[in-house]
Amino acid sequence: MSFTQLKPRQVINKAFLKVKPNRIDIEKFKNHLILVLDQIHELESEEFHKNIVSRFLETTY
């Protein structure tokens, strides 16, 4: 089985390529992502991290 490396533009739905994010949304995402990365603890369970990611997605979008 061989794999072909694709660029993001090749796999993203064309409708999403037309949407231009504004600077405020990008900054909001970056700030929330930094908070999530600060909450990660290597010794915690997957369930703990799943909740962190869930809250991140709810507050960011």
PDB file of N, CA and C in Angstrom:
ATOM      1  N   MET A   1       0.845  -1.165   0.000  1.00  0.00           N
ATOM      2  CA  MET A   1       0.000   0.000   0.000  1.00  0.00           C
ATOM      3  C   MET A   1       0.895   1.234   0.000  1.00  0.00           C
ATOM      4  N   SER A   2       0.656   2.137  -0.904  1.00  0.00           N
ATOM      5  CA  SER A   2       1.457   3.357  -0.944  1.00  0.00           C
ATOM      6  C   SER A   2       0.566   4.554  -0.610  1.00  0.00           C
ATOM      7  N   PHE A   3       1.169   5.525   0.014  1.00  0.00           N
ATOM      8  CA  PHE A   3       0.446   6.718   0.415  1.00  0.00           C
ATOM      9  C   PHE A   3       0.937   7.908  -0.388  1.00  0.00           C
ATOM     10  N   THR A   4       0.027   8.770  -0.726  1.00  0.00           N
ATOM     11  CA  THR A   4       0.372   9.992  -1.435  1.00  0.00           C
ATOM     12  C   THR A   4       0.131  11.164  -0.501  1.00  0.00           C
ATOM     13  N   GLN A   5       1.120  12.002  -0.356  1.00  0.00           N
ATOM     14  CA  GLN A   5       0.977  13.152   0.516  1.00  0.00           C
ATOM     15  C   GLN A   5       0.177  14.225  -0.209  1.00  0.00           C
ATOM     16  N   LEU A   6      -0.881  14.695   0.461  1.00  0.00           N
ATOM     17  CA  LEU A   6      -1.736  15.719  -0.117  1.00  0.00           C
ATOM     18  C   LEU A   6      -1.594  17.011   0.669  1.00  0.00           C
ATOM     19  N   LYS A   7      -1.793  18.106   0.002  1.00  0.00           N
ATOM     20  CA  LYS A   7      -1.776  19.407   0.654  1.00  0.00           C
ATOM     21  C   LYS A   7      -3.175  19.701   1.192  1.00  0.00           C
ATOM     22  N   PRO A   8      -3.274  20.517   2.240  1.00  0.00           N
ATOM     23  CA  PRO A   8      -4.594  20.824   2.807  1.00  0.00           C
ATOM     24  C   PRO A   8      -5.587  21.335   1.763  1.00  0.00           C
ATOM     25  N   ARG A   9      -5.134  22.130   0.848  1.00  0.00           N
ATOM     26  CA  ARG A   9      -6.020  22.684  -0.181  1.00  0.00           C
ATOM     27  C   ARG A   9      -6.649  21.579  -1.048  1.00  0.00           C
ATOM     28  N   GLN A  10      -5.981  20.444  -1.156  1.00  0.00           N
ATOM     29  CA  GLN A  10      -6.484  19.343  -1.979  1.00  0.00           C
ATOM     30  C   GLN A  10      -7.561  18.528  -1.269  1.00  0.00           C
ATOM     31  N   VAL A  11      -7.590  18.558   0.042  1.00  0.00           N
ATOM     32  CA  VAL A  11      -8.536  17.711   0.765  1.00  0.00           C
ATOM     33  C   VAL A  11      -9.690  18.477   1.402  1.00  0.00           C
ATOM     34  N   ILE A  12      -9.545  19.794   1.524  1.00  0.00           N
ATOM     35  CA  ILE A  12     -10.611  20.598   2.131  1.00  0.00           C
ATOM     36  C   ILE A  12     -11.702  20.838   1.101  1.00  0.00           C
ATOM     37  N   ASN A  13     -12.943  20.766   1.577  1.00  0.00           N
ATOM     38  CA  ASN A  13     -14.094  21.049   0.737  1.00  0.00           C
ATOM     39  C   ASN A  13     -13.950  22.453   0.146  1.00  0.00           C
ATOM     40  N   LYS A  14     -14.237  22.603  -1.120  1.00  0.00           N
ATOM     41  CA  LYS A  14     -14.064  23.883  -1.815  1.00  0.00           C
ATOM     42  C   LYS A  14     -14.891  25.005  -1.193  1.00  0.00           C
ATOM     43  N   ALA A  15     -16.031  24.687  -0.581  1.00  0.00           N
ATOM     44  CA  ALA A  15     -16.862  25.710   0.053  1.00  0.00           C
ATOM     45  C   ALA A  15     -16.128  26.342   1.236  1.00  0.00           C
ATOM     46  N   PHE A  16     -15.328  25.557   1.948  1.00  0.00           N
ATOM     47  CA  PHE A  16     -14.590  26.097   3.089  1.00  0.00           C
ATOM     48  C   PHE A  16     -13.448  27.002   2.646  1.00  0.00           C
ATOM     49  N   LEU A  17     -12.936  26.798   1.456  1.00  0.00           N
ATOM     50  CA  LEU A  17     -11.846  27.637   0.962  1.00  0.00           C
ATOM     51  C   LEU A  17     -12.308  29.063   0.684  1.00  0.00           C
ATOM     52  N   LYS A  18     -13.595  29.251   0.471  1.00  0.00           N
ATOM     53  CA  LYS A  18     -14.131  30.582   0.188  1.00  0.00           C
ATOM     54  C   LYS A  18     -14.327  31.406   1.455  1.00  0.00           C
ATOM     55  N   VAL A  19     -14.372  30.759   2.620  1.00  0.00           N
ATOM     56  CA  VAL A  19     -14.599  31.461   3.879  1.00  0.00           C
ATOM     57  C   VAL A  19     -13.280  32.059   4.355  1.00  0.00           C
ATOM     58  N   LYS A  20     -13.280  33.354   4.568  1.00  0.00           N
ATOM     59  CA  LYS A  20     -12.081  34.046   5.037  1.00  0.00           C
ATOM     60  C   LYS A  20     -12.258  34.395   6.517  1.00  0.00           C
ATOM     61  N   PRO A  21     -11.447  33.815   7.396  1.00  0.00           N
ATOM     62  CA  PRO A  21     -11.553  34.159   8.817  1.00  0.00           C
ATOM     63  C   PRO A  21     -11.028  35.568   9.051  1.00  0.00           C
ATOM     64  N   ASN A  22     -11.650  36.269   9.998  1.00  0.00           N
ATOM     65  CA  ASN A  22     -11.149  37.603  10.296  1.00  0.00           C
ATOM     66  C   ASN A  22     -10.120  37.530  11.424  1.00  0.00           C
ATOM     67  N   ARG A  23      -9.383  38.578  11.600  1.00  0.00           N
ATOM     68  CA  ARG A  23      -8.274  38.614  12.563  1.00  0.00           C
ATOM     69  C   ARG A  23      -8.771  38.370  13.983  1.00  0.00           C
ATOM     70  N   ILE A  24      -9.933  38.849  14.345  1.00  0.00           N
ATOM     71  CA  ILE A  24     -10.474  38.668  15.698  1.00  0.00           C
ATOM     72  C   ILE A  24     -10.689  37.190  15.991  1.00  0.00           C
ATOM     73  N   ASP A  25     -11.247  36.462  15.029  1.00  0.00           N
ATOM     74  CA  ASP A  25     -11.477  35.026  15.209  1.00  0.00           C
ATOM     75  C   ASP A  25     -10.159  34.255  15.342  1.00  0.00           C
ATOM     76  N   ILE A  26      -9.172  34.651  14.568  1.00  0.00           N
ATOM     77  CA  ILE A  26      -7.871  33.986  14.642  1.00  0.00           C
ATOM     78  C   ILE A  26      -7.226  34.226  16.003  1.00  0.00           C
ATOM     79  N   GLU A  27      -7.288  35.452  16.487  1.00  0.00           N
ATOM     80  CA  GLU A  27      -6.710  35.775  17.793  1.00  0.00           C
ATOM     81  C   GLU A  27      -7.449  35.058  18.921  1.00  0.00           C
ATOM     82  N   LYS A  28      -8.764  34.978  18.811  1.00  0.00           N
ATOM     83  CA  LYS A  28      -9.563  34.262  19.810  1.00  0.00           C
ATOM     84  C   LYS A  28      -9.156  32.788  19.856  1.00  0.00           C
ATOM     85  N   PHE A  29      -9.007  32.181  18.685  1.00  0.00           N
ATOM     86  CA  PHE A  29      -8.592  30.785  18.606  1.00  0.00           C
ATOM     87  C   PHE A  29      -7.212  30.597  19.231  1.00  0.00           C
ATOM     88  N   LYS A  30      -6.267  31.471  18.900  1.00  0.00           N
ATOM     89  CA  LYS A  30      -4.916  31.364  19.437  1.00  0.00           C
ATOM     90  C   LYS A  30      -4.912  31.471  20.965  1.00  0.00           C
ATOM     91  N   ASN A  31      -5.665  32.427  21.499  1.00  0.00           N
ATOM     92  CA  ASN A  31      -5.718  32.597  22.958  1.00  0.00           C
ATOM     93  C   ASN A  31      -6.311  31.381  23.649  1.00  0.00           C
ATOM     94  N   HIS A  32      -7.386  30.835  23.085  1.00  0.00           N
ATOM     95  CA  HIS A  32      -8.000  29.650  23.678  1.00  0.00           C
ATOM     96  C   HIS A  32      -7.086  28.435  23.560  1.00  0.00           C
ATOM     97  N   LEU A  33      -6.370  28.334  22.460  1.00  0.00           N
ATOM     98  CA  LEU A  33      -5.452  27.219  22.274  1.00  0.00           C
ATOM     99  C   LEU A  33      -4.312  27.272  23.297  1.00  0.00           C
ATOM    100  N   ILE A  34      -3.812  28.442  23.570  1.00  0.00           N
ATOM    101  CA  ILE A  34      -2.765  28.599  24.586  1.00  0.00           C
ATOM    102  C   ILE A  34      -3.278  28.151  25.951  1.00  0.00           C
ATOM    103  N   LEU A  35      -4.515  28.516  26.278  1.00  0.00           N
ATOM    104  CA  LEU A  35      -5.103  28.093  27.555  1.00  0.00           C
ATOM    105  C   LEU A  35      -5.234  26.578  27.630  1.00  0.00           C
ATOM    106  N   VAL A  36      -5.636  25.960  26.541  1.00  0.00           N
ATOM    107  CA  VAL A  36      -5.778  24.498  26.516  1.00  0.00           C
ATOM    108  C   VAL A  36      -4.424  23.830  26.702  1.00  0.00           C
ATOM    109  N   LEU A  37      -3.430  24.312  26.017  1.00  0.00           N
ATOM    110  CA  LEU A  37      -2.099  23.713  26.124  1.00  0.00           C
ATOM    111  C   LEU A  37      -1.540  23.852  27.535  1.00  0.00           C
ATOM    112  N   ASP A  38      -1.910  24.917  28.224  1.00  0.00           N
ATOM    113  CA  ASP A  38      -1.471  25.098  29.612  1.00  0.00           C
ATOM    114  C   ASP A  38      -2.157  24.127  30.570  1.00  0.00           C
ATOM    115  N   GLN A  39      -3.310  23.620  30.194  1.00  0.00           N
ATOM    116  CA  GLN A  39      -4.078  22.718  31.064  1.00  0.00           C
ATOM    117  C   GLN A  39      -3.688  21.251  30.909  1.00  0.00           C
ATOM    118  N   ILE A  40      -2.887  20.932  29.926  1.00  0.00           N
ATOM    119  CA  ILE A  40      -2.517  19.536  29.670  1.00  0.00           C
ATOM    120  C   ILE A  40      -1.551  19.034  30.740  1.00  0.00           C
ATOM    121  N   HIS A  41      -1.870  17.850  31.269  1.00  0.00           N
ATOM    122  CA  HIS A  41      -1.004  17.178  32.240  1.00  0.00           C
ATOM    123  C   HIS A  41      -0.759  15.767  31.715  1.00  0.00           C
ATOM    124  N   GLU A  42       0.482  15.432  31.538  1.00  0.00           N
ATOM    125  CA  GLU A  42       0.828  14.133  30.939  1.00  0.00           C
ATOM    126  C   GLU A  42       0.342  12.948  31.760  1.00  0.00           C
ATOM    127  N   LEU A  43       0.231  13.109  33.059  1.00  0.00           N
ATOM    128  CA  LEU A  43      -0.150  11.985  33.909  1.00  0.00           C
ATOM    129  C   LEU A  43      -1.664  11.802  34.032  1.00  0.00           C
ATOM    130  N   GLU A  44      -2.425  12.730  33.499  1.00  0.00           N
ATOM    131  CA  GLU A  44      -3.878  12.626  33.573  1.00  0.00           C
ATOM    132  C   GLU A  44      -4.419  11.661  32.522  1.00  0.00           C
ATOM    133  N   SER A  45      -5.670  11.290  32.709  1.00  0.00           N
ATOM    134  CA  SER A  45      -6.306  10.303  31.828  1.00  0.00           C
ATOM    135  C   SER A  45      -6.796  10.938  30.530  1.00  0.00           C
ATOM    136  N   GLU A  46      -7.149  10.076  29.617  1.00  0.00           N
ATOM    137  CA  GLU A  46      -7.713  10.531  28.343  1.00  0.00           C
ATOM    138  C   GLU A  46      -9.045  11.240  28.580  1.00  0.00           C
ATOM    139  N   GLU A  47      -9.821  10.751  29.528  1.00  0.00           N
ATOM    140  CA  GLU A  47     -11.110  11.362  29.848  1.00  0.00           C
ATOM    141  C   GLU A  47     -10.922  12.805  30.307  1.00  0.00           C
ATOM    142  N   PHE A  48      -9.925  13.048  31.115  1.00  0.00           N
ATOM    143  CA  PHE A  48      -9.607  14.399  31.589  1.00  0.00           C
ATOM    144  C   PHE A  48      -9.312  15.314  30.401  1.00  0.00           C
ATOM    145  N   HIS A  49      -8.499  14.840  29.479  1.00  0.00           N
ATOM    146  CA  HIS A  49      -8.124  15.645  28.319  1.00  0.00           C
ATOM    147  C   HIS A  49      -9.280  15.812  27.334  1.00  0.00           C
ATOM    148  N   LYS A  50     -10.133  14.811  27.261  1.00  0.00           N
ATOM    149  CA  LYS A  50     -11.291  14.908  26.386  1.00  0.00           C
ATOM    150  C   LYS A  50     -12.191  16.053  26.828  1.00  0.00           C
ATOM    151  N   ASN A  51     -12.346  16.207  28.128  1.00  0.00           N
ATOM    152  CA  ASN A  51     -13.171  17.298  28.647  1.00  0.00           C
ATOM    153  C   ASN A  51     -12.552  18.657  28.356  1.00  0.00           C
ATOM    154  N   ILE A  52     -11.239  18.744  28.443  1.00  0.00           N
ATOM    155  CA  ILE A  52     -10.554  19.996  28.130  1.00  0.00           C
ATOM    156  C   ILE A  52     -10.774  20.361  26.664  1.00  0.00           C
ATOM    157  N   VAL A  53     -10.620  19.404  25.778  1.00  0.00           N
ATOM    158  CA  VAL A  53     -10.803  19.661  24.348  1.00  0.00           C
ATOM    159  C   VAL A  53     -12.256  20.024  24.053  1.00  0.00           C
ATOM    160  N   SER A  54     -13.183  19.369  24.714  1.00  0.00           N
ATOM    161  CA  SER A  54     -14.596  19.655  24.524  1.00  0.00           C
ATOM    162  C   SER A  54     -14.921  21.096  24.920  1.00  0.00           C
ATOM    163  N   ARG A  55     -14.423  21.515  26.073  1.00  0.00           N
ATOM    164  CA  ARG A  55     -14.646  22.904  26.522  1.00  0.00           C
ATOM    165  C   ARG A  55     -13.985  23.893  25.557  1.00  0.00           C
ATOM    166  N   PHE A  56     -12.812  23.539  25.061  1.00  0.00           N
ATOM    167  CA  PHE A  56     -12.111  24.401  24.095  1.00  0.00           C
ATOM    168  C   PHE A  56     -12.984  24.625  22.843  1.00  0.00           C
ATOM    169  N   LEU A  57     -13.529  23.542  22.310  1.00  0.00           N
ATOM    170  CA  LEU A  57     -14.342  23.663  21.102  1.00  0.00           C
ATOM    171  C   LEU A  57     -15.633  24.442  21.362  1.00  0.00           C
ATOM    172  N   GLU A  58     -16.223  24.265  22.540  1.00  0.00           N
ATOM    173  CA  GLU A  58     -17.453  24.986  22.871  1.00  0.00           C
ATOM    174  C   GLU A  58     -17.209  26.482  23.016  1.00  0.00           C
ATOM    175  N   THR A  59     -16.108  26.848  23.662  1.00  0.00           N
ATOM    176  CA  THR A  59     -15.860  28.278  23.897  1.00  0.00           C
ATOM    177  C   THR A  59     -15.264  28.993  22.696  1.00  0.00           C
ATOM    178  N   THR A  60     -14.617  28.256  21.836  1.00  0.00           N
ATOM    179  CA  THR A  60     -13.966  28.878  20.691  1.00  0.00           C
ATOM    180  C   THR A  60     -14.930  29.075  19.533  1.00  0.00           C
ATOM    181  N   TYR A  61     -15.871  28.167  19.326  1.00  0.00           N
ATOM    182  CA  TYR A  61     -16.773  28.267  18.191  1.00  0.00           C
ATOM    183  C   TYR A  61     -18.195  28.422  18.620  1.00  0.00           C
TER     184      TYR A  61
END
